[in-house]
Amino acid sequence: VCAAVVEWLKGYSGGFELTDAIGTDQLEAEPEAYGVFKMPGGSTEEFVDGSRDVTVNYLFLARQPSQTDGMRQDAHEWLEGLERWILMHNIRRKLPALDDGRECYGVSVANSYAAEEQTDAEITYQLTLAINYFEEAMTK
């Protein structure tokens, strides 16, 4: 699921390029770095036939340059745009493509973006995504 979320997020541009820059469980130590991390928790409802309804949360981290007020405003604009992009893609059903009998039926922003860490040169922002999917019963 995480790889599908990473690929899906690469569809957003909004000024900062995400094409190959999103790490899985890693955030590079450089400006304009991005990472997706699976969070603990979530929920699973299992049905009698063995199929499941699953909600998984992912933390999206974005490290952005912050030397000037303009750079910080650009980062806010980009993150606000990302939240709108997620909302619109959910409404239009343009969702992550899952495999192995799993089908995504919803993506939402569980927690809006906020600054997590700041240095003199950059700020790391975090945003929590909730991914909802249905998983067919596993057969042998």
Protein backbone atom coordinates (compact mmCIF):
# COMPACT_ATOMS: atom_id res chain seq x y z
CA VAL A 1 0.00 0.00 0.00
CA CYS A 2 2.80 2.41 0.87
CA ALA A 3 4.39 2.12 -2.59
CA ALA A 4 1.02 2.89 -4.20
CA VAL A 5 0.58 5.96 -1.97
CA VAL A 6 4.07 7.19 -2.89
CA GLU A 7 3.35 6.77 -6.62
CA TRP A 8 -0.01 8.48 -6.24
CA LEU A 9 1.52 11.48 -4.42
CA LYS A 10 4.02 11.92 -7.25
CA GLY A 11 1.06 13.13 -9.32
CA TYR A 12 1.00 16.41 -7.40
CA SER A 13 3.33 19.21 -8.46
CA GLY A 14 2.14 22.62 -7.29
CA GLY A 15 5.61 24.16 -7.66
CA PHE A 16 7.90 21.66 -5.90
CA GLU A 17 8.60 18.49 -7.88
CA LEU A 18 7.82 15.14 -6.26
CA THR A 19 8.65 12.89 -9.22
CA ASP A 20 11.38 10.65 -7.76
CA ALA A 21 11.96 12.47 -4.51
CA ILE A 22 9.60 10.68 -2.10
CA GLY A 23 11.37 8.26 0.23
CA THR A 24 9.71 5.32 1.96
CA ASP A 25 10.37 5.46 5.71
CA GLN A 26 13.16 7.93 4.99
CA LEU A 27 13.58 11.69 4.69
CA GLU A 28 16.84 12.71 3.02
CA ALA A 29 18.95 15.30 4.87
CA GLU A 30 18.58 17.98 2.20
CA PRO A 31 16.16 20.80 1.37
CA GLU A 32 13.12 19.82 -0.67
CA ALA A 33 13.09 16.24 0.61
CA TYR A 34 9.95 14.17 1.07
CA GLY A 35 9.09 10.91 2.82
CA VAL A 36 6.12 8.66 3.57
CA PHE A 37 6.02 6.71 6.82
CA LYS A 38 3.40 4.16 7.92
CA MET A 39 2.00 5.10 11.30
CA PRO A 40 0.97 2.74 14.08
CA GLY A 41 -2.71 2.13 14.65
CA GLY A 42 -5.35 2.32 11.97
CA SER A 43 -8.30 -0.02 11.96
CA THR A 44 -9.40 -3.27 10.40
CA GLU A 45 -12.90 -4.71 10.20
CA GLU A 46 -12.91 -8.34 9.19
CA PHE A 47 -16.01 -9.87 7.61
CA VAL A 48 -17.33 -13.43 7.84
CA ASP A 49 -16.00 -14.31 4.38
CA GLY A 50 -12.47 -13.22 5.37
CA SER A 51 -12.50 -9.95 3.45
CA ARG A 52 -11.47 -6.83 5.31
CA ASP A 53 -12.14 -3.11 5.42
CA VAL A 54 -8.87 -1.40 6.35
CA THR A 55 -7.84 2.13 7.31
CA VAL A 56 -4.11 2.86 7.42
CA ASN A 57 -2.51 6.17 8.32
CA TYR A 58 0.63 7.49 6.65
CA LEU A 59 2.74 10.43 7.72
CA PHE A 60 3.94 12.58 4.82
CA LEU A 61 6.99 14.67 5.68
CA ALA A 62 8.16 17.58 3.54
CA ARG A 63 11.40 19.40 4.23
CA GLN A 64 11.33 22.87 2.66
CA PRO A 65 13.82 25.77 2.59
CA SER A 66 12.91 28.51 5.06
CA GLN A 67 15.59 31.22 4.94
CA THR A 68 13.10 33.92 3.94
CA ASP A 69 9.49 34.68 4.72
CA GLY A 70 8.71 34.23 1.01
CA MET A 71 10.12 30.68 1.09
CA ARG A 72 7.97 29.84 4.12
CA GLN A 73 4.89 31.31 2.42
CA ASP A 74 5.65 29.25 -0.71
CA ALA A 75 5.84 26.11 1.44
CA HIS A 76 2.47 26.90 3.02
CA GLU A 77 0.91 27.52 -0.38
CA TRP A 78 2.33 24.22 -1.69
CA LEU A 79 1.05 22.24 1.31
CA GLU A 80 -2.39 23.87 1.14
CA GLY A 81 -2.46 22.93 -2.54
CA LEU A 82 -1.50 19.35 -1.69
CA GLU A 83 -4.38 19.11 0.78
CA ARG A 84 -6.81 20.42 -1.87
CA TRP A 85 -5.34 18.00 -4.44
CA ILE A 86 -5.93 15.08 -2.06
CA LEU A 87 -9.52 16.20 -1.44
CA MET A 88 -10.25 16.64 -5.16
CA HIS A 89 -8.68 13.31 -6.11
CA ASN A 90 -10.78 11.60 -3.46
CA ILE A 91 -13.95 13.26 -4.75
CA ARG A 92 -13.09 12.36 -8.36
CA ARG A 93 -12.14 8.79 -7.32
CA LYS A 94 -8.59 9.19 -8.64
CA LEU A 95 -7.12 7.05 -5.89
CA PRO A 96 -3.95 5.02 -5.33
CA ALA A 97 -3.89 1.84 -7.44
CA LEU A 98 -3.49 -1.08 -5.04
CA ASP A 99 -2.77 -4.71 -5.90
CA ASP A 100 -3.25 -8.20 -4.43
CA GLY A 101 -7.05 -7.99 -4.18
CA ARG A 102 -7.07 -4.59 -2.50
CA GLU A 103 -9.05 -1.60 -3.75
CA CYS A 104 -8.69 1.90 -2.37
CA TYR A 105 -12.03 3.64 -1.89
CA GLY A 106 -10.94 6.73 0.00
CA VAL A 107 -8.04 9.01 0.86
CA SER A 108 -8.33 11.90 3.28
CA VAL A 109 -6.19 14.32 5.25
CA ALA A 110 -6.45 12.95 8.79
CA ASN A 111 -4.34 15.80 10.21
CA SER A 112 -3.67 19.02 8.33
CA TYR A 113 -0.07 20.05 7.73
CA ALA A 114 1.98 21.58 10.53
CA ALA A 115 5.62 22.40 11.17
CA GLU A 116 7.39 19.57 12.94
CA GLU A 117 11.01 20.72 13.09
CA GLN A 118 12.84 23.92 12.18
CA THR A 119 16.47 24.93 11.64
CA ASP A 120 17.91 28.20 10.37
CA ALA A 121 17.73 26.96 6.77
CA GLU A 122 14.69 24.67 6.56
CA ILE A 123 11.41 23.51 8.09
CA THR A 124 10.07 19.96 8.10
CA TYR A 125 6.28 19.85 7.79
CA GLN A 126 4.08 16.85 8.49
CA LEU A 127 0.69 15.85 7.10
CA THR A 128 -1.25 12.69 7.99
CA LEU A 129 -3.13 10.78 5.29
CA ALA A 130 -5.81 8.18 5.97
CA ILE A 131 -6.03 5.47 3.30
CA ASN A 132 -9.22 3.39 3.23
CA TYR A 133 -9.32 0.18 1.24
CA PHE A 134 -11.21 -3.07 0.86
CA GLU A 135 -9.24 -6.31 0.78
CA GLU A 136 -10.71 -9.44 -0.72
CA ALA A 137 -10.59 -12.65 1.32
CA MET A 138 -7.30 -14.48 0.92
CA THR A 139 -7.57 -17.90 -0.66
CA LYS A 140 -4.92 -20.58 -0.70
